[in-house]
C-alpha atoms as a PDB file:
ATOM      1  CA  MET A   1      12.680  91.022  39.838  1.00  0.00           C
ATOM      2  CA  SER A   2      11.039  87.720  38.324  1.00  0.00           C
ATOM      3  CA  LYS A   3       7.776  86.849  37.610  1.00  0.00           C
ATOM      4  CA  VAL A   4       6.753  83.080  37.962  1.00  0.00           C
ATOM      5  CA  LEU A   5       3.253  81.625  37.367  1.00  0.00           C
ATOM      6  CA  ILE A   6       2.213  78.774  39.715  1.00  0.00           C
ATOM      7  CA  ILE A   7      -0.013  75.717  38.248  1.00  0.00           C
ATOM      8  CA  GLY A   8      -2.000  75.094  41.498  1.00  0.00           C
ATOM      9  CA  PRO A   9      -3.669  71.803  42.597  1.00  0.00           C
ATOM     10  CA  SER A  10      -7.228  71.679  42.976  1.00  0.00           C
ATOM     11  CA  TRP A  11      -7.767  69.850  46.488  1.00  0.00           C
ATOM     12  CA  VAL A  12      -7.203  72.471  49.890  1.00  0.00           C
ATOM     13  CA  GLY A  13      -4.814  70.392  51.845  1.00  0.00           C
ATOM     14  CA  ASP A  14      -2.628  70.374  48.410  1.00  0.00           C
ATOM     15  CA  MET A  15      -2.823  73.965  48.120  1.00  0.00           C
ATOM     16  CA  VAL A  16      -2.183  74.749  51.639  1.00  0.00           C
ATOM     17  CA  MET A  17       0.834  72.517  51.486  1.00  0.00           C
ATOM     18  CA  SER A  18       2.004  74.699  48.471  1.00  0.00           C
ATOM     19  CA  GLN A  19       2.419  77.325  50.376  1.00  0.00           C
ATOM     20  CA  SER A  20       5.874  75.683  51.095  1.00  0.00           C
ATOM     21  CA  LEU A  21       7.061  76.063  47.402  1.00  0.00           C
ATOM     22  CA  PHE A  22       5.742  79.830  47.487  1.00  0.00           C
ATOM     23  CA  LYS A  23       7.964  80.391  50.474  1.00  0.00           C
ATOM     24  CA  ARG A  24      10.704  78.883  49.289  1.00  0.00           C
ATOM     25  CA  LEU A  25      11.104  80.654  46.015  1.00  0.00           C
ATOM     26  CA  LYS A  26      10.402  83.833  48.365  1.00  0.00           C
ATOM     27  CA  GLN A  27      13.456  82.888  50.437  1.00  0.00           C
ATOM     28  CA  GLN A  28      15.840  82.444  47.057  1.00  0.00           C
ATOM     29  CA  GLU A  29      14.439  85.833  45.807  1.00  0.00           C
ATOM     30  CA  PRO A  30      12.771  88.036  47.560  1.00  0.00           C
ATOM     31  CA  HIS A  31      11.512  90.249  45.130  1.00  0.00           C
ATOM     32  CA  THR A  32       9.853  87.537  43.199  1.00  0.00           C
ATOM     33  CA  GLU A  33       6.357  88.583  42.070  1.00  0.00           C
ATOM     34  CA  ILE A  34       3.845  84.680  42.344  1.00  0.00           C
ATOM     35  CA  ASP A  35       0.887  84.512  40.660  1.00  0.00           C
ATOM     36  CA  VAL A  36      -1.126  81.208  41.113  1.00  0.00           C
ATOM     37  CA  LEU A  37      -3.506  80.088  38.624  1.00  0.00           C
ATOM     38  CA  ALA A  38      -6.035  77.482  40.345  1.00  0.00           C
ATOM     39  CA  PRO A  39      -9.760  76.814  40.447  1.00  0.00           C
ATOM     40  CA  GLY A  40     -11.954  79.858  41.882  1.00  0.00           C
ATOM     41  CA  TRP A  41     -12.574  78.304  45.476  1.00  0.00           C
ATOM     42  CA  CYS A  42      -8.938  78.837  46.070  1.00  0.00           C
ATOM     43  CA  LYS A  43      -8.940  82.377  45.612  1.00  0.00           C
ATOM     44  CA  PRO A  44      -9.619  83.458  49.400  1.00  0.00           C
ATOM     45  CA  LEU A  45      -7.294  80.730  50.667  1.00  0.00           C
ATOM     46  CA  LEU A  46      -4.652  82.246  48.550  1.00  0.00           C
ATOM     47  CA  GLU A  47      -5.221  86.072  50.161  1.00  0.00           C
ATOM     48  CA  ARG A  48      -4.284  84.620  53.312  1.00  0.00           C
ATOM     49  CA  MET A  49      -0.618  83.950  51.697  1.00  0.00           C
ATOM     50  CA  PRO A  50       1.472  86.672  51.615  1.00  0.00           C
ATOM     51  CA  GLU A  51       4.001  85.066  49.061  1.00  0.00           C
ATOM     52  CA  VAL A  52       1.335  85.146  46.305  1.00  0.00           C
ATOM     53  CA  ARG A  53       0.348  88.648  44.359  1.00  0.00           C
ATOM     54  CA  HIS A  54      -2.509  87.526  42.737  1.00  0.00           C
ATOM     55  CA  ALA A  55      -4.661  84.371  42.218  1.00  0.00           C
ATOM     56  CA  ILE A  56      -5.782  83.901  38.626  1.00  0.00           C
ATOM     57  CA  GLU A  57      -9.389  81.543  38.090  1.00  0.00           C
ATOM     58  CA  MET A  58      -8.961  78.485  35.969  1.00  0.00           C
ATOM     59  CA  PRO A  59     -12.161  78.720  34.319  1.00  0.00           C
ATOM     60  CA  VAL A  60     -12.470  74.932  33.264  1.00  0.00           C
ATOM     61  CA  GLY A  61     -13.650  72.904  35.661  1.00  0.00           C
ATOM     62  CA  HIS A  62     -11.540  69.968  37.568  1.00  0.00           C
ATOM     63  CA  GLY A  63     -11.796  66.969  35.207  1.00  0.00           C
ATOM     64  CA  ASN A  64     -12.395  69.057  32.090  1.00  0.00           C
ATOM     65  CA  PHE A  65     -10.458  69.730  29.253  1.00  0.00           C
ATOM     66  CA  GLY A  66     -11.658  72.754  27.655  1.00  0.00           C
ATOM     67  CA  LEU A  67      -8.759  73.341  25.021  1.00  0.00           C
ATOM     68  CA  LYS A  68      -9.857  76.494  23.523  1.00  0.00           C
ATOM     69  CA  THR A  69     -10.603  78.292  27.135  1.00  0.00           C
ATOM     70  CA  ARG A  70      -7.086  76.971  28.056  1.00  0.00           C
ATOM     71  CA  TYR A  71      -5.539  78.368  24.935  1.00  0.00           C
ATOM     72  CA  GLN A  72      -7.449  81.574  25.331  1.00  0.00           C
ATOM     73  CA  LEU A  73      -6.129  82.243  28.663  1.00  0.00           C
ATOM     74  CA  GLY A  74      -2.916  81.405  27.770  1.00  0.00           C
ATOM     75  CA  ARG A  75      -2.615  84.081  25.382  1.00  0.00           C
ATOM     76  CA  LYS A  76      -3.595  86.497  27.760  1.00  0.00           C
ATOM     77  CA  LEU A  77      -1.216  85.519  30.619  1.00  0.00           C
ATOM     78  CA  ALA A  78       1.472  85.693  27.827  1.00  0.00           C
ATOM     79  CA  LYS A  79       1.249  89.179  28.278  1.00  0.00           C
ATOM     80  CA  GLY A  80       2.075  88.608  32.249  1.00  0.00           C
ATOM     81  CA  GLY A  81       5.920  88.580  31.443  1.00  0.00           C
ATOM     82  CA  TYR A  82       6.660  85.011  33.232  1.00  0.00           C
ATOM     83  CA  GLU A  83       9.944  83.810  33.119  1.00  0.00           C
ATOM     84  CA  ARG A  84       9.019  80.510  34.998  1.00  0.00           C
ATOM     85  CA  ALA A  85       6.143  77.996  35.371  1.00  0.00           C
ATOM     86  CA  TYR A  86       5.958  75.435  38.237  1.00  0.00           C
ATOM     87  CA  VAL A  87       3.299  72.839  37.513  1.00  0.00           C
ATOM     88  CA  ILE A  88       2.119  71.258  40.514  1.00  0.00           C
ATOM     89  CA  PRO A  89      -0.720  69.027  39.061  1.00  0.00           C
ATOM     90  CA  ARG A  90       1.039  65.917  37.055  1.00  0.00           C
ATOM     91  CA  SER A  91      -1.875  65.910  34.331  1.00  0.00           C
ATOM     92  CA  ALA A  92      -0.958  66.834  30.604  1.00  0.00           C
ATOM     93  CA  LYS A  93      -3.724  69.067  30.317  1.00  0.00           C
ATOM     94  CA  SER A  94      -2.778  70.908  33.567  1.00  0.00           C
ATOM     95  CA  ALA A  95       0.800  72.206  31.538  1.00  0.00           C
ATOM     96  CA  LEU A  96      -0.776  73.494  28.226  1.00  0.00           C
ATOM     97  CA  VAL A  97      -1.472  77.175  29.954  1.00  0.00           C
ATOM     98  CA  PRO A  98       2.254  77.905  30.343  1.00  0.00           C
ATOM     99  CA  LEU A  99       2.698  76.463  27.187  1.00  0.00           C
ATOM    100  CA  PHE A 100       0.221  78.714  25.103  1.00  0.00           C
ATOM    101  CA  ALA A 101       1.653  81.828  27.281  1.00  0.00           C
ATOM    102  CA  GLY A 102       4.786  81.194  26.115  1.00  0.00           C
ATOM    103  CA  ILE A 103       6.515  81.327  29.676  1.00  0.00           C
ATOM    104  CA  PRO A 104      10.569  79.994  28.458  1.00  0.00           C
ATOM    105  CA  LYS A 105      10.862  77.684  31.574  1.00  0.00           C
ATOM    106  CA  ARG A 106       8.194  75.269  32.457  1.00  0.00           C
ATOM    107  CA  ILE A 107       8.899  73.028  35.589  1.00  0.00           C
ATOM    108  CA  GLY A 108       7.391  70.386  36.988  1.00  0.00           C
ATOM    109  CA  TRP A 109       7.176  66.419  38.238  1.00  0.00           C
ATOM    110  CA  LYS A 110       7.177  63.483  35.123  1.00  0.00           C
ATOM    111  CA  GLY A 111       3.559  62.608  34.915  1.00  0.00           C
ATOM    112  CA  GLU A 112       0.830  62.335  31.458  1.00  0.00           C
ATOM    113  CA  SER A 113       2.621  62.725  28.194  1.00  0.00           C
ATOM    114  CA  ARG A 114       4.460  66.126  29.176  1.00  0.00           C
ATOM    115  CA  TYR A 115       7.669  66.110  27.189  1.00  0.00           C
ATOM    116  CA  GLY A 116       7.483  68.980  25.108  1.00  0.00           C
ATOM    117  CA  LEU A 117       4.881  70.700  27.154  1.00  0.00           C
ATOM    118  CA  LEU A 118       7.175  71.046  30.354  1.00  0.00           C
ATOM    119  CA  ASN A 119      11.296  71.385  29.123  1.00  0.00           C
ATOM    120  CA  ASP A 120      12.270  71.118  32.943  1.00  0.00           C
ATOM    121  CA  ILE A 121      10.800  67.695  33.527  1.00  0.00           C
ATOM    122  CA  ARG A 122      11.813  66.180  36.919  1.00  0.00           C
ATOM    123  CA  PRO A 123      11.876  62.446  36.707  1.00  0.00           C
ATOM    124  CA  ASN A 124      12.674  61.279  40.326  1.00  0.00           C
ATOM    125  CA  ARG A 125       9.281  62.352  41.998  1.00  0.00           C
ATOM    126  CA  LYS A 126       9.236  58.648  44.187  1.00  0.00           C
ATOM    127  CA  ALA A 127      12.841  59.630  45.905  1.00  0.00           C
ATOM    128  CA  PHE A 128      11.099  62.253  47.852  1.00  0.00           C
ATOM    129  CA  GLN A 129       9.380  60.925  50.946  1.00  0.00           C
ATOM    130  CA  TYR A 130       6.961  63.860  51.586  1.00  0.00           C
ATOM    131  CA  MET A 131       4.507  65.559  49.302  1.00  0.00           C
ATOM    132  CA  VAL A 132       6.156  68.782  50.732  1.00  0.00           C
ATOM    133  CA  GLU A 133       9.526  67.767  49.784  1.00  0.00           C
ATOM    134  CA  ARG A 134       8.139  67.292  46.356  1.00  0.00           C
ATOM    135  CA  LEU A 135       6.533  70.708  46.422  1.00  0.00           C
ATOM    136  CA  VAL A 136      10.141  72.466  47.358  1.00  0.00           C
ATOM    137  CA  ALA A 137      12.259  70.434  45.326  1.00  0.00           C
ATOM    138  CA  LEU A 138      10.530  71.929  42.295  1.00  0.00           C
ATOM    139  CA  ALA A 139      12.052  75.149  43.199  1.00  0.00           C
ATOM    140  CA  HIS A 140      15.782  74.025  43.014  1.00  0.00           C
ATOM    141  CA  PRO A 141      17.887  72.894  39.865  1.00  0.00           C
ATOM    142  CA  LYS A 142      17.145  69.435  38.600  1.00  0.00           C
ATOM    143  CA  LYS A 143      20.908  68.308  39.093  1.00  0.00           C
ATOM    144  CA  GLU A 144      20.769  68.988  42.859  1.00  0.00           C
ATOM    145  CA  MET A 145      17.431  67.240  43.640  1.00  0.00           C
ATOM    146  CA  VAL A 146      18.705  63.837  44.189  1.00  0.00           C
ATOM    147  CA  ASP A 147      16.611  62.835  47.063  1.00  0.00           C
ATOM    148  CA  SER A 148      15.063  63.484  50.312  1.00  0.00           C
ATOM    149  CA  SER A 149      18.365  64.535  51.835  1.00  0.00           C
ATOM    150  CA  SER A 150      18.964  67.283  49.027  1.00  0.00           C
ATOM    151  CA  LEU A 151      16.419  69.404  50.797  1.00  0.00           C
ATOM    152  CA  GLY A 152      17.935  68.667  54.573  1.00  0.00           C
ATOM    153  CA  GLY A 153      15.239  66.870  55.900  1.00  0.00           C
ATOM    154  CA  ILE A 154      11.205  68.086  56.335  1.00  0.00           C
ATOM    155  CA  ASP A 155      12.108  69.856  59.366  1.00  0.00           C
ATOM    156  CA  THR A 156      13.975  72.417  57.758  1.00  0.00           C
ATOM    157  CA  LEU A 157      11.487  73.389  55.052  1.00  0.00           C
ATOM    158  CA  PRO A 158       8.926  76.477  55.224  1.00  0.00           C
ATOM    159  CA  ARG A 159       5.971  75.315  56.349  1.00  0.00           C
ATOM    160  CA  PRO A 160       2.534  76.932  55.103  1.00  0.00           C
ATOM    161  CA  SER A 161       1.279  79.583  57.588  1.00  0.00           C
ATOM    162  CA  LEU A 162      -2.022  81.165  56.616  1.00  0.00           C
ATOM    163  CA  VAL A 163      -2.779  84.769  57.864  1.00  0.00           C
ATOM    164  CA  ILE A 164      -5.509  85.304  59.812  1.00  0.00           C
ATOM    165  CA  ASP A 165      -7.865  88.290  59.809  1.00  0.00           C
ATOM    166  CA  ARG A 166      -8.915  89.062  63.368  1.00  0.00           C
ATOM    167  CA  LYS A 167     -11.517  91.637  62.275  1.00  0.00           C
ATOM    168  CA  ALA A 168     -13.280  89.275  60.004  1.00  0.00           C
ATOM    169  CA  GLN A 169     -12.859  86.142  62.538  1.00  0.00           C
ATOM    170  CA  GLN A 170     -14.699  88.238  65.140  1.00  0.00           C
ATOM    171  CA  SER A 171     -17.527  88.883  62.470  1.00  0.00           C
ATOM    172  CA  ALA A 172     -17.540  85.334  61.805  1.00  0.00           C
ATOM    173  CA  ILE A 173     -18.172  84.739  65.550  1.00  0.00           C
ATOM    174  CA  GLU A 174     -20.911  87.262  65.869  1.00  0.00           C
ATOM    175  CA  LYS A 175     -22.572  85.917  62.312  1.00  0.00           C
ATOM    176  CA  PHE A 176     -22.663  82.233  63.962  1.00  0.00           C
ATOM    177  CA  SER A 177     -23.803  83.449  67.452  1.00  0.00           C
ATOM    178  CA  LEU A 178     -20.364  81.677  68.891  1.00  0.00           C
ATOM    179  CA  ALA A 179     -19.257  81.570  72.514  1.00  0.00           C
ATOM    180  CA  THR A 180     -15.464  82.038  73.082  1.00  0.00           C
ATOM    181  CA  ASP A 181     -15.651  81.724  77.040  1.00  0.00           C
ATOM    182  CA  LYS A 182     -14.286  78.339  76.922  1.00  0.00           C
ATOM    183  CA  PRO A 183     -11.426  76.721  75.155  1.00  0.00           C
ATOM    184  CA  ILE A 184     -12.800  75.502  71.802  1.00  0.00           C
ATOM    185  CA  LEU A 185     -12.199  71.984  70.238  1.00  0.00           C
ATOM    186  CA  GLY A 186     -12.525  71.720  66.305  1.00  0.00           C
ATOM    187  CA  LEU A 187     -13.606  68.633  64.923  1.00  0.00           C
ATOM    188  CA  CYS A 188     -13.329  67.937  61.216  1.00  0.00           C
ATOM    189  CA  PRO A 189     -14.673  64.961  60.460  1.00  0.00           C
ATOM    190  CA  GLY A 190     -15.003  64.573  56.877  1.00  0.00           C
ATOM    191  CA  ALA A 191     -12.691  63.646  54.011  1.00  0.00           C
ATOM    192  CA  GLU A 192     -13.455  64.417  50.507  1.00  0.00           C
ATOM    193  CA  PHE A 193     -10.614  61.619  49.331  1.00  0.00           C
ATOM    194  CA  GLY A 194     -13.545  59.035  50.967  1.00  0.00           C
ATOM    195  CA  PRO A 195     -14.918  56.723  53.690  1.00  0.00           C
ATOM    196  CA  SER A 196     -11.425  55.057  54.262  1.00  0.00           C
ATOM    197  CA  LYS A 197     -10.468  58.737  55.669  1.00  0.00           C
ATOM    198  CA  GLN A 198     -13.104  59.088  57.632  1.00  0.00           C
ATOM    199  CA  TRP A 199     -12.854  57.813  61.674  1.00  0.00           C
ATOM    200  CA  PRO A 200     -16.270  56.461  62.902  1.00  0.00           C
ATOM    201  CA  VAL A 201     -18.870  59.219  63.849  1.00  0.00           C
ATOM    202  CA  GLU A 202     -19.330  57.144  67.194  1.00  0.00           C
ATOM    203  CA  HIS A 203     -15.797  57.629  67.952  1.00  0.00           C
ATOM    204  CA  TYR A 204     -16.116  61.666  67.185  1.00  0.00           C
ATOM    205  CA  ALA A 205     -18.886  61.497  69.576  1.00  0.00           C
ATOM    206  CA  GLN A 206     -17.249  60.299  72.519  1.00  0.00           C
ATOM    207  CA  VAL A 207     -14.744  62.394  72.063  1.00  0.00           C
ATOM    208  CA  ALA A 208     -16.832  65.536  71.864  1.00  0.00           C
ATOM    209  CA  GLN A 209     -18.946  64.270  74.983  1.00  0.00           C
ATOM    210  CA  TYR A 210     -15.511  64.140  76.655  1.00  0.00           C
ATOM    211  CA  ALA A 211     -14.557  67.546  75.719  1.00  0.00           C
ATOM    212  CA  VAL A 212     -17.786  69.300  77.147  1.00  0.00           C
ATOM    213  CA  ASN A 213     -17.893  67.365  80.194  1.00  0.00           C
ATOM    214  CA  ASN A 214     -14.153  68.982  80.752  1.00  0.00           C
ATOM    215  CA  GLY A 215     -14.853  72.656  79.777  1.00  0.00           C
ATOM    216  CA  TYR A 216     -14.253  72.853  76.219  1.00  0.00           C
ATOM    217  CA  GLN A 217     -17.185  73.910  73.406  1.00  0.00           C
ATOM    218  CA  VAL A 218     -16.785  71.699  70.194  1.00  0.00           C
ATOM    219  CA  TRP A 219     -17.230  73.333  66.949  1.00  0.00           C
ATOM    220  CA  LEU A 220     -17.737  70.629  63.840  1.00  0.00           C
ATOM    221  CA  PHE A 221     -16.244  72.134  60.346  1.00  0.00           C
ATOM    222  CA  GLY A 222     -16.759  70.567  57.220  1.00  0.00           C
ATOM    223  CA  SER A 223     -18.067  71.284  53.792  1.00  0.00           C
ATOM    224  CA  GLY A 224     -22.285  70.436  52.989  1.00  0.00           C
ATOM    225  CA  LYS A 225     -21.389  67.203  52.313  1.00  0.00           C
ATOM    226  CA  ASP A 226     -20.218  66.687  55.873  1.00  0.00           C
ATOM    227  CA  THR A 227     -23.113  68.263  57.467  1.00  0.00           C
ATOM    228  CA  PRO A 228     -25.307  65.116  57.914  1.00  0.00           C
ATOM    229  CA  THR A 229     -21.991  63.193  59.367  1.00  0.00           C
ATOM    230  CA  CYS A 230     -21.551  66.433  61.744  1.00  0.00           C
ATOM    231  CA  GLU A 231     -25.641  66.006  62.888  1.00  0.00           C
ATOM    232  CA  ALA A 232     -25.389  62.694  63.760  1.00  0.00           C
ATOM    233  CA  ILE A 233     -22.083  63.338  65.844  1.00  0.00           C
ATOM    234  CA  LYS A 234     -23.995  66.134  67.751  1.00  0.00           C
ATOM    235  CA  GLN A 235     -27.037  63.320  68.267  1.00  0.00           C
ATOM    236  CA  LEU A 236     -24.924  61.139  69.902  1.00  0.00           C
ATOM    237  CA  VAL A 237     -23.611  63.815  72.506  1.00  0.00           C
ATOM    238  CA  VAL A 238     -26.469  63.353  75.364  1.00  0.00           C
ATOM    239  CA  GLU A 239     -24.916  65.629  77.859  1.00  0.00           C
ATOM    240  CA  GLN A 240     -24.172  69.356  77.374  1.00  0.00           C
ATOM    241  CA  GLN A 241     -25.449  69.824  73.605  1.00  0.00           C
ATOM    242  CA  GLU A 242     -25.823  73.222  74.020  1.00  0.00           C
ATOM    243  CA  ASN A 243     -21.674  73.329  73.539  1.00  0.00           C
ATOM    244  CA  LEU A 244     -21.418  71.916  69.982  1.00  0.00           C
ATOM    245  CA  LYS A 245     -22.162  73.696  67.256  1.00  0.00           C
ATOM    246  CA  VAL A 246     -22.491  72.679  63.560  1.00  0.00           C
ATOM    247  CA  LEU A 247     -20.556  74.762  61.238  1.00  0.00           C
ATOM    248  CA  ALA A 248     -20.353  72.335  58.253  1.00  0.00           C
ATOM    249  CA  GLY A 249     -21.929  73.556  55.445  1.00  0.00           C
ATOM    250  CA  GLN A 250     -22.723  76.972  56.881  1.00  0.00           C
ATOM    251  CA  THR A 251     -19.358  78.638  56.765  1.00  0.00           C
ATOM    252  CA  SER A 252     -17.409  79.702  54.173  1.00  0.00           C
ATOM    253  CA  LEU A 253     -13.925  78.748  53.367  1.00  0.00           C
ATOM    254  CA  ILE A 254     -12.481  81.746  54.530  1.00  0.00           C
ATOM    255  CA  GLU A 255     -14.526  81.909  57.616  1.00  0.00           C
ATOM    256  CA  ALA A 256     -13.635  78.387  58.647  1.00  0.00           C
ATOM    257  CA  ILE A 257     -10.237  79.303  58.209  1.00  0.00           C
ATOM    258  CA  ASP A 258     -10.838  82.363  60.803  1.00  0.00           C
ATOM    259  CA  LEU A 259     -12.824  80.131  62.879  1.00  0.00           C
ATOM    260  CA  LEU A 260     -10.511  77.124  63.172  1.00  0.00           C
ATOM    261  CA  GLY A 261      -7.963  80.182  63.840  1.00  0.00           C
ATOM    262  CA  ALA A 262      -9.786  80.657  67.457  1.00  0.00           C
ATOM    263  CA  CYS A 263      -9.831  77.153  68.269  1.00  0.00           C
ATOM    264  CA  ARG A 264      -7.117  75.730  70.576  1.00  0.00           C
ATOM    265  CA  THR A 265      -7.047  71.875  69.452  1.00  0.00           C
ATOM    266  CA  VAL A 266      -8.104  70.560  66.498  1.00  0.00           C
ATOM    267  CA  VAL A 267      -9.266  66.698  65.792  1.00  0.00           C
ATOM    268  CA  SER A 268      -9.213  65.869  62.415  1.00  0.00           C
ATOM    269  CA  ASN A 269      -9.045  63.119  59.746  1.00  0.00           C
ATOM    270  CA  ASP A 270      -6.479  63.591  56.904  1.00  0.00           C
ATOM    271  CA  SER A 271      -8.141  66.063  54.801  1.00  0.00           C
ATOM    272  CA  GLY A 272      -7.832  69.619  53.629  1.00  0.00           C
ATOM    273  CA  LEU A 273      -8.963  71.132  56.911  1.00  0.00           C
ATOM    274  CA  MET A 274      -6.502  69.727  58.574  1.00  0.00           C
ATOM    275  CA  HIS A 275      -3.604  71.093  56.778  1.00  0.00           C
ATOM    276  CA  VAL A 276      -5.706  74.545  57.406  1.00  0.00           C
ATOM    277  CA  ALA A 277      -5.756  74.114  61.109  1.00  0.00           C
ATOM    278  CA  ALA A 278      -1.868  73.061  61.110  1.00  0.00           C
ATOM    279  CA  ALA A 279      -1.353  76.477  59.109  1.00  0.00           C
ATOM    280  CA  VAL A 280      -3.411  78.875  61.469  1.00  0.00           C
ATOM    281  CA  GLY A 281      -1.107  77.472  64.564  1.00  0.00           C
ATOM    282  CA  CYS A 282      -3.696  75.149  66.419  1.00  0.00           C
ATOM    283  CA  TYR A 283      -2.541  72.041  68.368  1.00  0.00           C
ATOM    284  CA  VAL A 284      -3.438  69.360  65.776  1.00  0.00           C
ATOM    285  CA  ILE A 285      -4.069  65.936  66.342  1.00  0.00           C
ATOM    286  CA  GLY A 286      -4.489  64.046  63.180  1.00  0.00           C
ATOM    287  CA  VAL A 287      -6.352  60.832  62.777  1.00  0.00           C
ATOM    288  CA  TYR A 288      -4.756  58.272  60.201  1.00  0.00           C
ATOM    289  CA  GLY A 289      -6.999  55.252  58.396  1.00  0.00           C
ATOM    290  CA  SER A 290      -5.890  54.413  55.144  1.00  0.00           C
ATOM    291  CA  THR A 291      -3.453  56.916  54.328  1.00  0.00           C
ATOM    292  CA  SER A 292       0.163  57.980  56.083  1.00  0.00           C
ATOM    293  CA  PRO A 293       1.679  60.913  57.734  1.00  0.00           C
ATOM    294  CA  ASN A 294       4.734  59.543  56.093  1.00  0.00           C
ATOM    295  CA  TYR A 295       3.438  61.313  53.162  1.00  0.00           C
ATOM    296  CA  THR A 296       1.176  63.830  54.033  1.00  0.00           C
ATOM    297  CA  PRO A 297       1.690  65.099  57.816  1.00  0.00           C
ATOM    298  CA  PRO A 298       0.392  68.498  59.601  1.00  0.00           C
ATOM    299  CA  LEU A 299       3.192  70.685  58.976  1.00  0.00           C
ATOM    300  CA  THR A 300       3.597  71.816  62.655  1.00  0.00           C
ATOM    301  CA  ASP A 301       5.338  71.156  65.583  1.00  0.00           C
ATOM    302  CA  LYS A 302       1.921  71.347  67.380  1.00  0.00           C
ATOM    303  CA  VAL A 303       0.878  68.093  66.211  1.00  0.00           C
ATOM    304  CA  SER A 304      -0.182  64.559  67.416  1.00  0.00           C
ATOM    305  CA  ILE A 305      -0.618  61.718  65.189  1.00  0.00           C
ATOM    306  CA  VAL A 306      -2.939  58.778  65.835  1.00  0.00           C
ATOM    307  CA  GLY A 307      -3.437  55.756  63.982  1.00  0.00           C
ATOM    308  CA  THR A 308      -3.320  51.651  64.204  1.00  0.00           C
ATOM    309  CA  ASP A 309      -0.907  49.301  63.357  1.00  0.00           C
ATOM    310  CA  ILE A 310      -2.819  46.663  61.357  1.00  0.00           C
ATOM    311  CA  GLU A 311      -0.931  44.985  58.679  1.00  0.00           C
ATOM    312  CA  CYS A 312      -2.573  46.247  55.581  1.00  0.00           C
ATOM    313  CA  ARG A 313      -2.290  49.572  56.869  1.00  0.00           C
ATOM    314  CA  PRO A 314      -1.894  52.217  54.765  1.00  0.00           C
ATOM    315  CA  CYS A 315      -3.791  51.238  51.647  1.00  0.00           C
ATOM    316  CA  PHE A 316      -4.415  54.374  50.079  1.00  0.00           C
ATOM    317  CA  GLN A 317      -7.670  53.003  48.745  1.00  0.00           C
ATOM    318  CA  ARG A 318     -10.600  55.446  48.993  1.00  0.00           C
ATOM    319  CA  GLN A 319     -12.786  52.545  49.983  1.00  0.00           C
ATOM    320  CA  CYS A 320     -11.221  49.551  52.193  1.00  0.00           C
ATOM    321  CA  PRO A 321     -10.651  46.864  49.884  1.00  0.00           C
ATOM    322  CA  LEU A 322     -10.902  44.253  52.331  1.00  0.00           C
ATOM    323  CA  GLY A 323     -14.235  45.447  53.871  1.00  0.00           C
ATOM    324  CA  HIS A 324     -13.795  45.812  57.559  1.00  0.00           C
ATOM    325  CA  MET A 325     -12.402  49.363  58.093  1.00  0.00           C
ATOM    326  CA  ARG A 326     -10.276  48.146  60.930  1.00  0.00           C
ATOM    327  CA  CYS A 327      -7.403  50.873  60.328  1.00  0.00           C
ATOM    328  CA  LEU A 328     -10.574  53.175  61.905  1.00  0.00           C
ATOM    329  CA  THR A 329     -13.084  51.263  63.961  1.00  0.00           C
ATOM    330  CA  GLU A 330     -10.067  49.878  66.193  1.00  0.00           C
ATOM    331  CA  LEU A 331      -8.846  53.343  66.943  1.00  0.00           C
ATOM    332  CA  LYS A 332     -10.398  54.196  69.681  1.00  0.00           C
ATOM    333  CA  PRO A 333     -11.340  57.163  71.038  1.00  0.00           C
ATOM    334  CA  GLN A 334      -9.372  57.052  74.281  1.00  0.00           C
ATOM    335  CA  ARG A 335      -6.348  57.553  71.891  1.00  0.00           C
ATOM    336  CA  VAL A 336      -7.757  61.073  71.378  1.00  0.00           C
ATOM    337  CA  MET A 337      -9.169  61.909  74.503  1.00  0.00           C
ATOM    338  CA  HIS A 338      -5.872  61.463  76.316  1.00  0.00           C
ATOM    339  CA  LEU A 339      -4.288  64.089  73.981  1.00  0.00           C
ATOM    340  CA  LEU A 340      -6.653  67.113  74.800  1.00  0.00           C
END
């Protein structure tokens, strides 16, 4: 039985997609024990992944170096007997803890000056089209991982699947006074990445109005930062507003996971919650602006992707470099309504 330490990413969507790596490791060695070092907010998410034994909190905030703290943590983890470490982030500092822990094999993609920190550096990251391919490729020997074809295609890879706690789900439904007598449409109108991923409030409102007029109730998800956006959507819905519930800023991440699991359909920007919705089995309608489903698609068969074909897309910028946001404004709500 081998023990593995994963240095996890700091974003919800990336952590969800990382479960594909955990699953592949378990496929290769079913008795492997997988521990994941990640920000504290990730713990509830990781607890919904059966492949993970322990979630270990990274005591250093995102963007902070914290050399002494990383050293102390590494020395503490040295007692864990880990044989391998997989370092998902590409920063140099993310590779320090496995080094300080004395883990013999330290695997990751070429990034910031990591020679000496990692001893199995993969140089050909861009030969793999999808992010999930780049994650799963780390589980295989370097010499076998030439490009995407080495993995057999994205459809052959294990997909994220978060466990829904039905008792906790019912508790959340009661806590927020939610009704479940109608089919539920989840809307996820936020995006941490920036405004170039965010479909206009007016478009979301038209979808919400169409949904409630056609027998749905609508739950709006997001972080506290997304509350004004969700409230603006609700205010633009003029009929049956009582069938809309703003949950943004109200739920914990784990409550959001369980409540998304109660939704029939979820309309979402390219965001972490889009990947959560896919991993809990929803039918996902992914709205893409500046980014591309050819890199980070929802990993599910129950999916429809909507986007525009304008010449400047995808640019992968946080802000529209041309200032017009046409990739989002020209993506009309009828495109989504027809899919509900």
